[in-house]
Amino acid sequence: MGSTKSKLIQLFKEQEDYLSGQRLAERLNVSRTAVWKNIKELEKEGFVFESLKWKGYKLLESPVSISPSEVQQSLDTIELGKKLFYFKEVTSTQERVHALAKEGYPHGTVVLAGEQTAGKGRRKREWSSLKGKGMWMSLLLRPPFPPAKAPQLTLVAATTVVQVLREFGVTAKIKWPNDIMIGDRKVCGILTEMQAEQDWIDYLVLGIGLNVNQNETEMPGELKKKATSLYIETGVESAIEDIVSCLLNRFEVELGRFYDKGFLPFQQEWQSSGYKTGEWVDVSTWKKPWRAKVTRIEEDGALTVLDEQGQEQRLYSAEILWNDHYYG
């Protein structure tokens, strides 16, 4: 039904006048009953139609919230987003995808939300998900590689986000292990969670939270110093649907490249897109602070740094003072 809804939207946008049920049925090669059912589904998504006897249907208003059908209309993917759910409000898109995974939903299933009431980031930190202002999305992935490679997927997603933001006129950097920065402020967080056995992955849940249309006054408390949005950086409001479809299209391509060529291309891209690469930061491991110069990312997801004695150290988990406002 999803593809029929997408085609319906396109037909209504191409012709702003009334379209009869019979004409729609013929154009879509479905029954008039199927047309009616799909219009009713679109109304649940927030589309407003006028229906007149002898004239048919007219699209009066598209939803302010994200429409799954409009996202799917712009997808060129084979798997990602073919099953796509949108919720006006959820506790967490991650939780929803975990539930769908356990119900057997396929690789590529996507959950989008208008608002998260209990969004979370790494180490269960709270993630502010203001209603209608950002892209709050989680993907269900069932990749054909062992659990040891799961950290690489976070970097594949991060480089994809950076590429997509470039298309929207924004230069961003990847802060190890899972944040996207514009300047010294965070615009996006990526969270990967896994259900796996010792040698195989049952499924991965990849969450991406991107601040899109918040202004300075909508950033709560301390986040004013630490977080930013595409609107704050560009002064232009962005259509969240466009970002979602662009990201899913690009991520499927990058996943294919990862499967074919391995992690090396993404390691190389991190060198040019890594936040603070070649700069000194303050690191704390086991509550002991020390200075380190960021050098590169490793295949297993570790961050390699140089200490003040010129010795290389690999970081798998650490608290890092990245700038005056960002510690994590």
Protein backbone atom coordinates (compact mmCIF):
# COMPACT_ATOMS: atom_id res chain seq x y z
CA MET A 1 0.00 0.00 0.00
CA GLY A 2 2.94 2.33 0.67
CA SER A 3 3.94 2.57 -3.00
CA THR A 4 0.32 3.26 -4.02
CA LYS A 5 0.11 6.08 -1.50
CA SER A 6 3.32 7.60 -2.84
CA LYS A 7 1.97 7.48 -6.39
CA LEU A 8 -1.30 9.03 -5.23
CA ILE A 9 0.55 11.97 -3.68
CA GLN A 10 2.50 12.48 -6.89
CA LEU A 11 -0.68 12.48 -9.00
CA PHE A 12 -2.35 15.05 -6.77
CA LYS A 13 0.74 17.27 -6.82
CA GLU A 14 0.94 17.13 -10.61
CA GLN A 15 -2.68 18.27 -10.98
CA GLU A 16 -4.17 20.61 -8.41
CA ASP A 17 -7.75 20.07 -9.60
CA TYR A 18 -10.15 17.26 -8.65
CA LEU A 19 -9.29 13.71 -9.68
CA SER A 20 -12.06 11.13 -9.95
CA GLY A 21 -11.80 7.82 -8.21
CA GLN A 22 -12.15 6.07 -11.56
CA ARG A 23 -9.32 8.05 -13.13
CA LEU A 24 -7.06 7.44 -10.14
CA ALA A 25 -7.84 3.74 -10.24
CA GLU A 26 -6.96 3.56 -13.93
CA ARG A 27 -3.72 5.53 -13.50
CA LEU A 28 -2.62 3.35 -10.59
CA ASN A 29 -3.98 0.08 -11.95
CA VAL A 30 -5.93 -0.63 -8.77
CA SER A 31 -9.60 -0.78 -7.82
CA ARG A 32 -11.62 2.28 -6.78
CA THR A 33 -11.94 0.68 -3.36
CA ALA A 34 -8.14 0.53 -3.11
CA VAL A 35 -7.99 4.24 -4.02
CA TRP A 36 -10.45 5.07 -1.25
CA LYS A 37 -8.55 2.96 1.30
CA ASN A 38 -5.25 4.60 0.44
CA ILE A 39 -6.75 8.08 0.71
CA LYS A 40 -8.09 7.16 4.16
CA GLU A 41 -4.57 6.01 5.14
CA LEU A 42 -3.13 9.30 3.91
CA GLU A 43 -5.68 11.19 5.99
CA LYS A 44 -4.35 9.35 9.05
CA GLU A 45 -0.90 10.70 8.15
CA GLY A 46 -2.27 14.26 8.17
CA PHE A 47 -3.21 14.86 4.52
CA VAL A 48 -6.47 16.75 4.01
CA PHE A 49 -8.69 15.93 1.02
CA GLU A 50 -11.95 17.36 -0.24
CA SER A 51 -14.35 14.85 -1.79
CA LEU A 52 -17.19 15.94 -4.09
CA LYS A 53 -19.70 13.72 -5.81
CA TRP A 54 -19.18 13.56 -9.58
CA LYS A 55 -15.85 15.40 -9.29
CA GLY A 56 -13.71 13.16 -7.10
CA TYR A 57 -10.91 14.06 -4.69
CA LYS A 58 -8.76 17.17 -4.28
CA LEU A 59 -5.67 17.48 -2.07
CA LEU A 60 -6.11 20.56 0.12
CA GLU A 61 -3.30 20.28 2.61
CA SER A 62 -0.17 18.21 3.28
CA PRO A 63 0.83 17.38 6.86
CA VAL A 64 3.18 19.60 8.83
CA SER A 65 4.64 16.44 10.34
CA ILE A 66 6.73 13.98 8.38
CA SER A 67 4.78 11.91 5.88
CA PRO A 68 6.14 8.38 5.32
CA SER A 69 4.59 8.39 1.87
CA GLU A 70 6.39 11.59 0.87
CA VAL A 71 9.68 10.18 2.14
CA GLN A 72 9.20 6.93 0.22
CA GLN A 73 8.28 8.89 -2.91
CA SER A 74 11.85 10.25 -2.96
CA LEU A 75 13.63 6.98 -2.18
CA ASP A 76 15.80 5.21 -4.73
CA THR A 77 16.66 2.41 -2.31
CA ILE A 78 16.18 -1.31 -2.71
CA GLU A 79 15.79 -2.09 1.02
CA LEU A 80 16.20 0.94 3.27
CA GLY A 81 12.89 2.59 4.07
CA LYS A 82 10.70 0.14 2.17
CA LYS A 83 9.11 -0.55 5.55
CA LEU A 84 8.79 2.88 7.16
CA PHE A 85 6.84 3.88 10.26
CA TYR A 86 6.16 7.40 11.50
CA PHE A 87 4.97 8.25 15.01
CA LYS A 88 4.06 11.73 16.19
CA GLU A 89 5.48 10.87 19.61
CA VAL A 90 7.49 7.96 21.01
CA THR A 91 9.61 7.39 24.07
CA SER A 92 12.49 6.40 21.77
CA THR A 93 12.81 5.34 18.13
CA GLN A 94 15.47 2.89 19.28
CA GLU A 95 12.95 1.10 21.51
CA ARG A 96 10.44 0.91 18.67
CA VAL A 97 12.94 -0.67 16.28
CA HIS A 98 14.06 -3.19 18.91
CA ALA A 99 10.42 -4.24 19.22
CA LEU A 100 10.00 -4.49 15.43
CA ALA A 101 13.21 -6.51 15.14
CA LYS A 102 11.91 -9.05 17.63
CA GLU A 103 8.70 -9.30 15.58
CA GLY A 104 10.81 -10.30 12.56
CA TYR A 105 10.72 -7.11 10.51
CA PRO A 106 13.32 -7.06 7.71
CA HIS A 107 16.62 -5.33 7.16
CA GLY A 108 16.03 -1.70 6.20
CA THR A 109 12.95 -1.07 8.34
CA VAL A 110 12.89 2.57 9.49
CA VAL A 111 11.15 4.34 12.37
CA LEU A 112 10.76 8.12 12.33
CA ALA A 113 9.29 10.24 15.10
CA GLY A 114 8.06 13.79 15.39
CA GLU A 115 9.15 13.83 19.02
CA GLN A 116 10.96 11.57 21.47
CA THR A 117 10.03 11.87 25.13
CA ALA A 118 12.95 9.73 26.30
CA GLY A 119 15.52 9.94 23.53
CA LYS A 120 18.92 8.62 24.47
CA GLY A 121 22.50 8.84 23.36
CA ARG A 122 25.69 6.99 24.21
CA ARG A 123 26.01 5.80 27.83
CA LYS A 124 22.25 6.36 28.26
CA ARG A 125 22.66 10.13 28.19
CA GLU A 126 19.49 12.09 27.49
CA TRP A 127 18.98 13.39 23.94
CA SER A 128 16.79 16.45 23.48
CA SER A 129 14.29 15.73 20.67
CA LEU A 130 12.16 18.83 20.24
CA LYS A 131 8.82 18.23 18.55
CA GLY A 132 8.89 18.72 14.79
CA LYS A 133 12.34 20.32 14.83
CA GLY A 134 14.68 17.48 13.99
CA MET A 135 15.20 14.14 12.34
CA TRP A 136 14.70 11.46 14.99
CA MET A 137 15.23 8.17 13.20
CA SER A 138 16.32 4.58 13.83
CA LEU A 139 17.08 1.86 11.29
CA LEU A 140 16.86 -1.90 11.63
CA LEU A 141 19.89 -3.56 10.02
CA ARG A 142 20.65 -7.25 9.64
CA PRO A 143 24.20 -7.10 8.25
CA PRO A 144 26.17 -10.08 6.89
CA PHE A 145 29.25 -9.61 9.06
CA PRO A 146 30.39 -10.67 12.56
CA PRO A 147 29.83 -8.59 15.73
CA ALA A 148 33.46 -7.43 15.78
CA LYS A 149 32.72 -5.22 12.76
CA ALA A 150 29.73 -3.48 14.33
CA PRO A 151 31.73 -0.41 15.48
CA GLN A 152 32.73 0.18 11.85
CA LEU A 153 29.09 0.66 10.94
CA THR A 154 28.88 3.71 13.20
CA LEU A 155 31.73 5.29 11.21
CA VAL A 156 30.05 4.37 7.91
CA ALA A 157 26.91 6.14 9.14
CA ALA A 158 28.92 9.14 10.36
CA THR A 159 30.71 9.65 7.05
CA THR A 160 27.34 9.35 5.30
CA VAL A 161 25.82 12.08 7.47
CA VAL A 162 28.78 14.36 6.74
CA GLN A 163 28.31 13.80 3.00
CA VAL A 164 24.58 14.55 3.20
CA LEU A 165 25.10 17.72 5.24
CA ARG A 166 27.57 18.87 2.59
CA GLU A 167 24.71 18.62 0.07
CA PHE A 168 22.70 20.94 2.32
CA GLY A 169 25.53 23.49 2.38
CA VAL A 170 27.05 22.59 5.74
CA THR A 171 30.61 21.49 6.52
CA ALA A 172 30.68 19.08 9.45
CA LYS A 173 33.24 16.93 11.26
CA ILE A 174 33.08 13.51 12.96
CA LYS A 175 33.84 13.51 16.68
CA TRP A 176 34.90 10.09 17.88
CA PRO A 177 33.10 7.85 18.41
CA ASN A 178 29.62 8.89 17.29
CA ASP A 179 28.91 12.62 17.08
CA ILE A 180 28.77 15.08 14.20
CA MET A 181 30.04 18.59 14.89
CA ILE A 182 29.66 21.93 13.14
CA GLY A 183 32.45 24.10 14.46
CA ASP A 184 32.65 23.21 18.15
CA ARG A 185 28.98 22.37 18.61
CA LYS A 186 27.15 19.08 18.14
CA VAL A 187 24.48 18.84 15.45
CA CYS A 188 23.96 15.07 15.26
CA GLY A 189 24.39 11.97 17.38
CA ILE A 190 24.60 8.37 16.24
CA LEU A 191 23.81 5.40 18.48
CA THR A 192 24.40 1.78 17.48
CA GLU A 193 22.91 -1.03 19.58
CA MET A 194 23.31 -4.71 18.82
CA GLN A 195 21.62 -8.02 19.53
CA ALA A 196 24.12 -10.76 18.73
CA GLU A 197 25.61 -14.13 19.54
CA GLN A 198 29.36 -14.71 19.74
CA ASP A 199 29.90 -15.09 15.99
CA TRP A 200 26.82 -13.57 14.31
CA ILE A 201 24.58 -10.53 14.49
CA ASP A 202 20.86 -11.04 14.91
CA TYR A 203 20.23 -7.36 14.26
CA LEU A 204 21.58 -3.84 14.75
CA VAL A 205 19.61 -0.73 15.61
CA LEU A 206 21.22 2.41 14.22
CA GLY A 207 19.80 5.63 15.64
CA ILE A 208 20.49 9.04 14.10
CA GLY A 209 19.31 12.22 15.78
CA LEU A 210 19.88 15.40 13.77
CA ASN A 211 19.00 18.92 14.89
CA VAL A 212 17.36 20.57 11.89
CA ASN A 213 15.11 23.59 12.50
CA GLN A 214 15.72 24.62 16.11
CA ASN A 215 16.62 28.26 16.74
CA GLU A 216 18.92 29.46 19.54
CA THR A 217 16.07 30.05 21.99
CA GLU A 218 14.79 26.49 21.54
CA MET A 219 18.05 24.92 22.72
CA PRO A 220 17.50 24.01 26.38
CA GLY A 221 19.87 25.07 29.15
CA GLU A 222 23.50 24.13 28.71
CA LEU A 223 22.85 22.88 25.18
CA LYS A 224 22.97 26.47 23.94
CA LYS A 225 26.77 26.28 24.31
CA LYS A 226 27.16 22.66 23.15
CA ALA A 227 24.57 22.09 20.42
CA THR A 228 23.57 23.65 17.12
CA SER A 229 21.15 23.00 14.25
CA LEU A 230 21.13 23.35 10.49
CA TYR A 231 18.86 26.39 10.87
CA ILE A 232 21.22 28.08 13.34
CA GLU A 233 24.14 27.51 10.99
CA THR A 234 22.47 28.49 7.71
CA GLY A 235 19.47 30.65 8.60
CA VAL A 236 17.36 28.44 6.32
CA GLU A 237 14.62 26.02 7.36
CA SER A 238 15.02 22.56 5.85
CA ALA A 239 12.36 19.99 4.94
CA ILE A 240 13.01 17.04 7.21
CA GLU A 241 11.56 14.65 4.61
CA ASP A 242 14.23 15.75 2.14
CA ILE A 243 17.01 15.06 4.62
CA VAL A 244 15.58 11.65 5.53
CA SER A 245 15.26 10.49 1.93
CA CYS A 246 18.67 11.89 0.98
CA LEU A 247 20.28 10.14 3.95
CA LEU A 248 18.62 6.78 3.31
CA ASN A 249 19.53 6.90 -0.38
CA ARG A 250 23.15 7.72 0.38
CA PHE A 251 23.47 5.27 3.28
CA GLU A 252 22.35 2.33 1.15
CA VAL A 253 25.06 3.21 -1.39
CA GLU A 254 27.66 3.52 1.37
CA LEU A 255 26.60 0.21 2.91
CA GLY A 256 27.15 -1.44 -0.46
CA ARG A 257 30.60 0.15 -0.68
CA PHE A 258 31.39 -1.08 2.82
CA TYR A 259 30.38 -4.64 1.93
CA ASP A 260 32.41 -4.56 -1.30
CA LYS A 261 35.55 -2.64 -0.29
CA GLY A 262 35.73 -2.98 3.46
CA PHE A 263 36.47 -0.30 6.02
CA LEU A 264 39.59 1.28 4.50
CA PRO A 265 37.77 3.93 2.38
CA PHE A 266 35.91 5.11 5.47
CA GLN A 267 39.10 5.25 7.54
CA GLN A 268 40.58 7.47 4.86
CA GLU A 269 37.53 9.73 4.82
CA TRP A 270 37.70 10.07 8.59
CA GLN A 271 41.19 11.52 8.26
CA SER A 272 39.78 14.51 6.40
CA SER A 273 36.53 14.71 8.37
CA GLY A 274 37.70 13.84 11.89
CA TYR A 275 37.05 16.48 14.54
CA LYS A 276 40.30 17.72 16.13
CA THR A 277 42.48 15.47 13.95
CA GLY A 278 46.11 16.54 14.52
CA GLU A 279 45.15 18.65 17.57
CA TRP A 280 45.76 18.21 21.30
CA VAL A 281 42.91 17.33 23.67
CA ASP A 282 42.59 16.39 27.34
CA VAL A 283 41.89 12.69 27.93
CA SER A 284 40.76 10.95 31.10
CA THR A 285 41.11 7.17 31.44
CA TRP A 286 40.58 5.47 34.79
CA LYS A 287 40.13 8.99 36.23
CA LYS A 288 43.70 9.90 35.29
CA PRO A 289 43.90 13.01 33.05
CA TRP A 290 46.56 13.37 30.34
CA ARG A 291 47.21 15.23 27.09
CA ALA A 292 46.88 13.53 23.72
CA LYS A 293 47.10 14.43 20.05
CA VAL A 294 44.35 12.91 17.89
CA THR A 295 45.87 10.99 14.96
CA ARG A 296 43.61 8.38 13.34
CA ILE A 297 40.77 5.89 13.65
CA GLU A 298 41.49 2.15 13.66
CA GLU A 299 39.67 -0.68 11.91
CA ASP A 300 38.15 -1.87 15.18
CA GLY A 301 36.78 1.60 15.92
CA ALA A 302 39.49 2.61 18.38
CA LEU A 303 40.91 6.14 18.36
CA THR A 304 44.69 6.29 18.13
CA VAL A 305 46.38 9.25 19.82
CA LEU A 306 49.92 10.32 20.70
CA ASP A 307 50.72 11.04 24.34
CA GLU A 308 53.16 13.75 25.43
CA GLN A 309 56.00 11.24 25.34
CA GLY A 310 55.32 10.58 21.66
CA GLN A 311 53.92 7.09 22.31
CA GLU A 312 50.85 5.88 20.45
CA GLN A 313 47.86 4.92 22.58
CA ARG A 314 44.62 3.29 21.44
CA LEU A 315 41.43 4.49 23.07
CA TYR A 316 38.42 2.21 23.15
CA SER A 317 36.62 4.15 25.85
CA ALA A 318 37.60 7.49 27.34
CA GLU A 319 36.28 10.81 28.52
CA ILE A 320 37.76 13.57 26.36
CA LEU A 321 37.62 17.33 26.86
CA TRP A 322 37.20 18.25 23.20
CA ASN A 323 36.66 21.97 23.74
CA ASP A 324 35.70 24.41 26.50
CA HIS A 325 32.08 23.22 26.47
CA TYR A 326 32.18 19.63 25.30
CA TYR A 327 33.30 16.75 27.49
CA GLY A 328 32.38 13.28 26.39
